Amino acid sequence: MKKQPFFLIFAALLSCASALVSAQSLDSIVGNWKSFDDDTNAPAAIVQITEKNGIFSGVITKLLDPNAPLVCEKCTDARKGKSVVGMEILSGLKRTGDAYSGGQILDPDDGEIYRAEMKLKDQGSKLDLRAYIGIPLLGRTQTWVRER
């Protein structure tokens, strides 16, 4: 009978620790994100963002758009002719305060490489991606949704 209170306390602590870990992960862009087509707003792909030594990068893990190219034929770098699934499209982002900047993103549909900035919103459930050439004013913003 004495083991029951210990078990309840242990379960409560484990639950609190789990909630804390989940809350901490929402303040980072690390995770899986659903991207959307600019024209149709239909789901386009799942991008997995990871961090290594303070640098964030993203890889397409799944295509959701049945009309999306499977191979990046319009790419002009080493990714030309490579499968889009498994391709690193986001690289070089660094966290600066509550934003992420200094990176690049490839649009596999047109082969263009843009500068990239990101910022979390809605308690980490959404991610605004600003892709641009030159200055941020000359670009577009997409909102990605965190996958659970």
N, C-alpha and C. Protein backbone atom coordinates (compact mmCIF):
# COMPACT_ATOMS: atom_id res chain seq x y z
N MET A 1 0.81 -1.19 0.00
CA MET A 1 0.00 0.00 0.00
C MET A 1 0.85 1.26 0.00
N LYS A 2 2.02 1.26 0.59
CA LYS A 2 2.85 2.45 0.66
C LYS A 2 3.44 2.81 -0.71
N LYS A 3 3.49 1.88 -1.64
CA LYS A 3 4.04 2.14 -2.96
C LYS A 3 3.10 2.99 -3.80
N GLN A 4 1.83 2.96 -3.53
CA GLN A 4 0.86 3.69 -4.35
C GLN A 4 1.10 5.21 -4.33
N PRO A 5 1.30 5.88 -3.17
CA PRO A 5 1.56 7.32 -3.21
C PRO A 5 2.85 7.65 -3.98
N PHE A 6 3.89 6.83 -3.81
CA PHE A 6 5.13 7.07 -4.55
C PHE A 6 4.87 6.99 -6.05
N PHE A 7 4.11 5.99 -6.46
CA PHE A 7 3.80 5.82 -7.88
C PHE A 7 3.03 7.02 -8.41
N LEU A 8 2.07 7.52 -7.64
CA LEU A 8 1.29 8.68 -8.08
C LEU A 8 2.16 9.93 -8.21
N ILE A 9 3.06 10.12 -7.25
CA ILE A 9 3.96 11.27 -7.32
C ILE A 9 4.89 11.13 -8.52
N PHE A 10 5.43 9.92 -8.73
CA PHE A 10 6.31 9.68 -9.87
C PHE A 10 5.57 9.92 -11.19
N ALA A 11 4.36 9.44 -11.29
CA ALA A 11 3.56 9.64 -12.51
C ALA A 11 3.28 11.12 -12.75
N ALA A 12 2.98 11.85 -11.69
CA ALA A 12 2.72 13.28 -11.82
C ALA A 12 3.98 14.02 -12.27
N LEU A 13 5.13 13.69 -11.70
CA LEU A 13 6.39 14.32 -12.11
C LEU A 13 6.73 14.00 -13.56
N LEU A 14 6.52 12.76 -13.94
CA LEU A 14 6.78 12.35 -15.32
C LEU A 14 5.87 13.11 -16.29
N SER A 15 4.63 13.29 -15.91
CA SER A 15 3.68 14.03 -16.74
C SER A 15 4.11 15.48 -16.88
N CYS A 16 4.54 16.10 -15.78
CA CYS A 16 5.00 17.49 -15.82
C CYS A 16 6.25 17.62 -16.68
N ALA A 17 7.18 16.69 -16.55
CA ALA A 17 8.40 16.73 -17.35
C ALA A 17 8.08 16.58 -18.83
N SER A 18 7.15 15.71 -19.15
CA SER A 18 6.75 15.52 -20.55
C SER A 18 6.12 16.79 -21.11
N ALA A 19 5.28 17.44 -20.33
CA ALA A 19 4.66 18.69 -20.77
C ALA A 19 5.71 19.77 -20.97
N LEU A 20 6.70 19.82 -20.10
CA LEU A 20 7.76 20.81 -20.22
C LEU A 20 8.59 20.58 -21.48
N VAL A 21 8.92 19.34 -21.77
CA VAL A 21 9.67 19.02 -22.99
C VAL A 21 8.87 19.42 -24.21
N SER A 22 7.57 19.14 -24.24
CA SER A 22 6.73 19.52 -25.36
C SER A 22 6.67 21.03 -25.52
N ALA A 23 6.54 21.74 -24.41
CA ALA A 23 6.48 23.20 -24.47
C ALA A 23 7.80 23.78 -24.97
N GLN A 24 8.93 23.21 -24.55
CA GLN A 24 10.22 23.71 -24.99
C GLN A 24 10.41 23.50 -26.48
N SER A 25 9.94 22.42 -27.03
CA SER A 25 10.14 22.15 -28.44
C SER A 25 9.32 23.11 -29.31
N LEU A 26 8.30 23.74 -28.75
CA LEU A 26 7.49 24.67 -29.53
C LEU A 26 8.15 26.03 -29.67
N ASP A 27 9.25 26.28 -28.96
CA ASP A 27 9.94 27.56 -29.12
C ASP A 27 11.12 27.45 -30.08
N SER A 28 11.18 26.37 -30.81
CA SER A 28 12.22 26.16 -31.81
C SER A 28 11.58 25.75 -33.13
N ILE A 29 12.26 26.01 -34.23
CA ILE A 29 11.72 25.61 -35.53
C ILE A 29 12.02 24.14 -35.84
N VAL A 30 12.76 23.46 -34.96
CA VAL A 30 13.06 22.05 -35.17
C VAL A 30 11.77 21.25 -35.15
N GLY A 31 11.59 20.41 -36.15
CA GLY A 31 10.39 19.57 -36.24
C GLY A 31 9.95 19.40 -37.67
N ASN A 32 8.77 18.85 -37.83
CA ASN A 32 8.18 18.61 -39.14
C ASN A 32 7.13 19.67 -39.44
N TRP A 33 7.20 20.22 -40.65
CA TRP A 33 6.35 21.33 -41.06
C TRP A 33 5.67 21.03 -42.38
N LYS A 34 4.38 21.36 -42.44
CA LYS A 34 3.62 21.21 -43.69
C LYS A 34 3.70 22.54 -44.44
N SER A 35 4.20 22.47 -45.68
CA SER A 35 4.25 23.67 -46.52
C SER A 35 3.05 23.65 -47.46
N PHE A 36 2.78 24.82 -48.06
CA PHE A 36 1.59 24.96 -48.91
C PHE A 36 1.96 25.63 -50.23
N ASP A 37 1.22 25.26 -51.27
CA ASP A 37 1.41 25.85 -52.59
C ASP A 37 0.97 27.31 -52.58
N ASP A 38 1.79 28.18 -53.15
CA ASP A 38 1.47 29.62 -53.17
C ASP A 38 0.20 29.93 -53.94
N ASP A 39 -0.05 29.21 -55.03
CA ASP A 39 -1.20 29.52 -55.89
C ASP A 39 -2.50 28.91 -55.39
N THR A 40 -2.46 27.64 -54.98
CA THR A 40 -3.69 26.93 -54.61
C THR A 40 -3.91 26.86 -53.10
N ASN A 41 -2.88 27.13 -52.32
CA ASN A 41 -2.90 26.99 -50.87
C ASN A 41 -3.12 25.54 -50.42
N ALA A 42 -2.95 24.60 -51.35
CA ALA A 42 -3.07 23.18 -51.02
C ALA A 42 -1.77 22.70 -50.37
N PRO A 43 -1.85 21.70 -49.49
CA PRO A 43 -0.62 21.17 -48.89
C PRO A 43 0.36 20.70 -49.97
N ALA A 44 1.62 21.08 -49.82
CA ALA A 44 2.62 20.76 -50.85
C ALA A 44 3.61 19.69 -50.40
N ALA A 45 4.15 19.83 -49.20
CA ALA A 45 5.19 18.90 -48.75
C ALA A 45 5.34 18.96 -47.24
N ILE A 46 6.04 17.95 -46.72
CA ILE A 46 6.47 17.95 -45.33
C ILE A 46 7.98 18.21 -45.34
N VAL A 47 8.38 19.22 -44.57
CA VAL A 47 9.79 19.58 -44.46
C VAL A 47 10.23 19.34 -43.02
N GLN A 48 11.29 18.55 -42.87
CA GLN A 48 11.83 18.28 -41.53
C GLN A 48 13.00 19.23 -41.29
N ILE A 49 12.86 20.08 -40.27
CA ILE A 49 13.92 21.02 -39.91
C ILE A 49 14.69 20.45 -38.73
N THR A 50 16.02 20.46 -38.87
CA THR A 50 16.90 19.98 -37.81
C THR A 50 17.92 21.06 -37.48
N GLU A 51 18.62 20.87 -36.37
CA GLU A 51 19.65 21.81 -35.94
C GLU A 51 20.92 21.06 -35.62
N LYS A 52 22.05 21.59 -36.09
CA LYS A 52 23.34 21.02 -35.78
C LYS A 52 24.31 22.18 -35.56
N ASN A 53 24.88 22.24 -34.36
CA ASN A 53 25.84 23.30 -34.00
C ASN A 53 25.29 24.70 -34.24
N GLY A 54 24.00 24.89 -33.93
CA GLY A 54 23.39 26.21 -34.05
C GLY A 54 22.97 26.60 -35.45
N ILE A 55 23.12 25.70 -36.42
CA ILE A 55 22.71 25.95 -37.80
C ILE A 55 21.50 25.06 -38.11
N PHE A 56 20.45 25.68 -38.67
CA PHE A 56 19.21 24.97 -38.97
C PHE A 56 19.13 24.68 -40.46
N SER A 57 18.66 23.47 -40.78
CA SER A 57 18.47 23.08 -42.18
C SER A 57 17.19 22.28 -42.30
N GLY A 58 16.69 22.17 -43.53
CA GLY A 58 15.43 21.47 -43.75
C GLY A 58 15.47 20.58 -44.98
N VAL A 59 14.86 19.40 -44.83
CA VAL A 59 14.82 18.39 -45.89
C VAL A 59 13.37 18.03 -46.17
N ILE A 60 13.03 17.89 -47.44
CA ILE A 60 11.69 17.41 -47.80
C ILE A 60 11.63 15.92 -47.51
N THR A 61 10.69 15.53 -46.66
CA THR A 61 10.54 14.11 -46.31
C THR A 61 9.36 13.46 -47.01
N LYS A 62 8.42 14.30 -47.49
CA LYS A 62 7.24 13.74 -48.14
C LYS A 62 6.60 14.80 -49.03
N LEU A 63 6.21 14.40 -50.23
CA LEU A 63 5.45 15.29 -51.12
C LEU A 63 3.96 15.03 -50.90
N LEU A 64 3.20 16.09 -50.77
CA LEU A 64 1.75 15.98 -50.56
C LEU A 64 0.98 16.37 -51.82
N ASP A 65 1.62 17.10 -52.72
CA ASP A 65 1.01 17.55 -53.97
C ASP A 65 1.28 16.50 -55.05
N PRO A 66 0.22 15.85 -55.56
CA PRO A 66 0.43 14.80 -56.56
C PRO A 66 1.00 15.34 -57.87
N ASN A 67 0.93 16.65 -58.09
CA ASN A 67 1.46 17.24 -59.32
C ASN A 67 2.87 17.81 -59.15
N ALA A 68 3.43 17.70 -57.97
CA ALA A 68 4.77 18.23 -57.72
C ALA A 68 5.81 17.41 -58.49
N PRO A 69 6.85 18.08 -58.98
CA PRO A 69 7.91 17.33 -59.66
C PRO A 69 8.62 16.40 -58.67
N LEU A 70 8.90 15.19 -59.11
CA LEU A 70 9.59 14.22 -58.26
C LEU A 70 11.10 14.43 -58.28
N VAL A 71 11.56 15.07 -59.36
CA VAL A 71 12.98 15.33 -59.57
C VAL A 71 13.15 16.82 -59.83
N CYS A 72 14.22 17.40 -59.32
CA CYS A 72 14.45 18.84 -59.50
C CYS A 72 15.20 19.07 -60.81
N GLU A 73 14.46 19.13 -61.90
CA GLU A 73 15.06 19.36 -63.22
C GLU A 73 15.45 20.81 -63.42
N LYS A 74 14.80 21.74 -62.73
CA LYS A 74 15.09 23.17 -62.91
C LYS A 74 16.19 23.68 -61.98
N CYS A 75 16.69 22.80 -61.11
CA CYS A 75 17.79 23.20 -60.23
C CYS A 75 19.03 23.50 -61.08
N THR A 76 19.82 24.45 -60.62
CA THR A 76 21.03 24.82 -61.37
C THR A 76 22.30 24.43 -60.63
N ASP A 77 22.18 23.79 -59.47
CA ASP A 77 23.35 23.38 -58.71
C ASP A 77 23.44 21.86 -58.67
N ALA A 78 24.13 21.31 -57.70
CA ALA A 78 24.34 19.87 -57.61
C ALA A 78 23.04 19.08 -57.41
N ARG A 79 21.94 19.76 -57.10
CA ARG A 79 20.65 19.08 -56.89
C ARG A 79 19.92 18.79 -58.19
N LYS A 80 20.41 19.32 -59.31
CA LYS A 80 19.76 19.10 -60.60
C LYS A 80 19.67 17.61 -60.89
N GLY A 81 18.45 17.18 -61.24
CA GLY A 81 18.22 15.78 -61.57
C GLY A 81 18.06 14.86 -60.38
N LYS A 82 18.12 15.41 -59.18
CA LYS A 82 18.01 14.60 -57.95
C LYS A 82 16.56 14.55 -57.48
N SER A 83 16.25 13.50 -56.73
CA SER A 83 14.92 13.33 -56.15
C SER A 83 14.62 14.47 -55.18
N VAL A 84 13.41 14.99 -55.26
CA VAL A 84 12.99 16.07 -54.36
C VAL A 84 12.81 15.53 -52.94
N VAL A 85 12.26 14.33 -52.80
CA VAL A 85 12.14 13.72 -51.48
C VAL A 85 13.54 13.36 -50.99
N GLY A 86 13.89 13.85 -49.83
CA GLY A 86 15.22 13.65 -49.28
C GLY A 86 16.16 14.80 -49.58
N MET A 87 15.70 15.78 -50.36
CA MET A 87 16.53 16.91 -50.75
C MET A 87 16.55 17.98 -49.67
N GLU A 88 17.75 18.50 -49.37
CA GLU A 88 17.87 19.63 -48.47
C GLU A 88 17.50 20.88 -49.25
N ILE A 89 16.43 21.55 -48.81
CA ILE A 89 15.99 22.77 -49.50
C ILE A 89 16.24 24.01 -48.65
N LEU A 90 16.49 23.82 -47.37
CA LEU A 90 16.69 24.93 -46.44
C LEU A 90 18.04 24.74 -45.77
N SER A 91 18.86 25.80 -45.76
CA SER A 91 20.19 25.67 -45.15
C SER A 91 20.66 26.99 -44.57
N GLY A 92 21.57 26.89 -43.61
CA GLY A 92 22.28 28.04 -43.10
C GLY A 92 21.54 28.99 -42.18
N LEU A 93 20.37 28.62 -41.69
CA LEU A 93 19.64 29.51 -40.80
C LEU A 93 20.25 29.51 -39.41
N LYS A 94 20.31 30.69 -38.80
CA LYS A 94 20.80 30.83 -37.43
C LYS A 94 19.76 31.58 -36.62
N ARG A 95 19.63 31.21 -35.37
CA ARG A 95 18.68 31.88 -34.49
C ARG A 95 19.25 33.21 -34.02
N THR A 96 18.45 34.26 -34.18
CA THR A 96 18.82 35.59 -33.70
C THR A 96 17.61 36.13 -32.95
N GLY A 97 17.66 36.02 -31.62
CA GLY A 97 16.52 36.42 -30.80
C GLY A 97 15.36 35.46 -31.02
N ASP A 98 14.22 36.00 -31.44
CA ASP A 98 13.06 35.14 -31.68
C ASP A 98 12.85 34.86 -33.16
N ALA A 99 13.86 35.15 -33.98
CA ALA A 99 13.76 34.89 -35.42
C ALA A 99 14.95 34.03 -35.87
N TYR A 100 14.88 33.58 -37.10
CA TYR A 100 15.93 32.77 -37.71
C TYR A 100 16.26 33.43 -39.05
N SER A 101 17.54 33.67 -39.30
CA SER A 101 17.90 34.38 -40.52
C SER A 101 19.26 33.90 -41.02
N GLY A 102 19.67 34.46 -42.17
CA GLY A 102 20.97 34.15 -42.73
C GLY A 102 20.99 32.89 -43.58
N GLY A 103 19.84 32.32 -43.84
CA GLY A 103 19.81 31.08 -44.58
C GLY A 103 19.33 31.24 -46.01
N GLN A 104 19.24 30.10 -46.67
CA GLN A 104 18.74 30.04 -48.04
C GLN A 104 17.69 28.95 -48.15
N ILE A 105 16.78 29.14 -49.12
CA ILE A 105 15.79 28.11 -49.40
C ILE A 105 15.68 27.93 -50.91
N LEU A 106 15.59 26.68 -51.32
CA LEU A 106 15.42 26.32 -52.72
C LEU A 106 13.95 26.05 -52.98
N ASP A 107 13.42 26.60 -54.06
CA ASP A 107 12.07 26.25 -54.51
C ASP A 107 12.25 25.21 -55.61
N PRO A 108 11.97 23.93 -55.32
CA PRO A 108 12.20 22.87 -56.32
C PRO A 108 11.31 23.02 -57.56
N ASP A 109 10.21 23.77 -57.45
CA ASP A 109 9.33 23.95 -58.61
C ASP A 109 9.99 24.77 -59.70
N ASP A 110 10.76 25.81 -59.30
CA ASP A 110 11.38 26.66 -60.32
C ASP A 110 12.91 26.66 -60.28
N GLY A 111 13.49 25.94 -59.30
CA GLY A 111 14.94 25.84 -59.21
C GLY A 111 15.62 27.08 -58.63
N GLU A 112 14.84 28.07 -58.23
CA GLU A 112 15.40 29.32 -57.69
C GLU A 112 15.82 29.14 -56.23
N ILE A 113 16.91 29.80 -55.88
CA ILE A 113 17.40 29.82 -54.50
C ILE A 113 17.19 31.23 -53.97
N TYR A 114 16.52 31.32 -52.83
CA TYR A 114 16.18 32.59 -52.21
C TYR A 114 16.84 32.70 -50.85
N ARG A 115 17.04 33.92 -50.38
CA ARG A 115 17.41 34.13 -48.99
C ARG A 115 16.18 33.78 -48.15
N ALA A 116 16.42 33.38 -46.90
CA ALA A 116 15.31 32.94 -46.06
C ALA A 116 15.41 33.49 -44.65
N GLU A 117 14.25 33.88 -44.13
CA GLU A 117 14.09 34.25 -42.73
C GLU A 117 12.85 33.55 -42.21
N MET A 118 12.86 33.15 -40.95
CA MET A 118 11.72 32.47 -40.36
C MET A 118 11.41 33.02 -38.98
N LYS A 119 10.14 32.94 -38.63
CA LYS A 119 9.72 33.35 -37.30
C LYS A 119 8.52 32.51 -36.87
N LEU A 120 8.57 31.99 -35.66
CA LEU A 120 7.45 31.22 -35.12
C LEU A 120 6.30 32.14 -34.75
N LYS A 121 5.08 31.62 -34.85
CA LYS A 121 3.91 32.35 -34.39
C LYS A 121 2.89 31.36 -33.87
N ASP A 122 1.84 31.88 -33.25
CA ASP A 122 0.77 31.06 -32.65
C ASP A 122 1.33 29.98 -31.72
N GLN A 123 2.14 30.42 -30.74
CA GLN A 123 2.75 29.55 -29.74
C GLN A 123 3.54 28.40 -30.36
N GLY A 124 4.17 28.65 -31.49
CA GLY A 124 5.02 27.65 -32.13
C GLY A 124 4.30 26.67 -33.04
N SER A 125 3.01 26.86 -33.26
CA SER A 125 2.28 25.94 -34.12
C SER A 125 2.36 26.33 -35.60
N LYS A 126 2.81 27.56 -35.87
CA LYS A 126 2.95 28.04 -37.25
C LYS A 126 4.31 28.70 -37.41
N LEU A 127 4.77 28.74 -38.64
CA LEU A 127 6.08 29.28 -38.96
C LEU A 127 5.95 30.16 -40.20
N ASP A 128 6.30 31.42 -40.05
CA ASP A 128 6.30 32.32 -41.21
C ASP A 128 7.68 32.26 -41.85
N LEU A 129 7.69 31.93 -43.13
CA LEU A 129 8.91 31.87 -43.92
C LEU A 129 8.90 33.03 -44.90
N ARG A 130 9.89 33.86 -44.82
CA ARG A 130 10.04 34.97 -45.77
C ARG A 130 11.18 34.60 -46.71
N ALA A 131 10.86 34.43 -48.00
CA ALA A 131 11.85 34.11 -49.03
C ALA A 131 11.99 35.32 -49.94
N TYR A 132 13.24 35.69 -50.24
CA TYR A 132 13.44 36.92 -51.01
C TYR A 132 14.77 36.89 -51.76
N ILE A 133 14.86 37.78 -52.74
CA ILE A 133 16.10 38.04 -53.45
C ILE A 133 16.48 39.48 -53.12
N GLY A 134 17.69 39.70 -52.68
CA GLY A 134 18.12 41.06 -52.36
C GLY A 134 17.73 41.46 -50.95
N ILE A 135 16.57 42.12 -50.83
CA ILE A 135 16.10 42.59 -49.51
C ILE A 135 14.74 41.95 -49.19
N PRO A 136 14.43 41.78 -47.91
CA PRO A 136 13.18 41.12 -47.52
C PRO A 136 11.92 41.77 -48.10
N LEU A 137 11.99 43.07 -48.36
CA LEU A 137 10.84 43.76 -48.93
C LEU A 137 10.44 43.18 -50.29
N LEU A 138 11.45 42.66 -51.01
CA LEU A 138 11.21 42.10 -52.34
C LEU A 138 11.09 40.58 -52.27
N GLY A 139 10.09 40.12 -51.57
CA GLY A 139 9.92 38.68 -51.42
C GLY A 139 8.49 38.30 -51.14
N ARG A 140 8.33 37.09 -50.67
CA ARG A 140 6.99 36.59 -50.33
C ARG A 140 7.08 35.82 -49.02
N THR A 141 5.94 35.76 -48.34
CA THR A 141 5.87 35.04 -47.07
C THR A 141 4.92 33.87 -47.21
N GLN A 142 5.34 32.72 -46.72
CA GLN A 142 4.51 31.53 -46.63
C GLN A 142 4.36 31.21 -45.15
N THR A 143 3.23 30.63 -44.80
CA THR A 143 3.04 30.14 -43.43
C THR A 143 2.99 28.62 -43.49
N TRP A 144 3.89 28.01 -42.74
CA TRP A 144 3.92 26.55 -42.62
C TRP A 144 3.27 26.17 -41.29
N VAL A 145 2.72 24.96 -41.23
CA VAL A 145 2.02 24.48 -40.03
C VAL A 145 2.79 23.29 -39.46
N ARG A 146 3.00 23.34 -38.15
CA ARG A 146 3.75 22.25 -37.48
C ARG A 146 2.93 20.97 -37.53
N GLU A 147 3.61 19.89 -37.88
CA GLU A 147 3.00 18.55 -37.87
C GLU A 147 3.22 17.94 -36.49
N ARG A 148 2.24 17.30 -35.94
CA ARG A 148 2.34 16.67 -34.62
C ARG A 148 2.59 15.21 -34.75
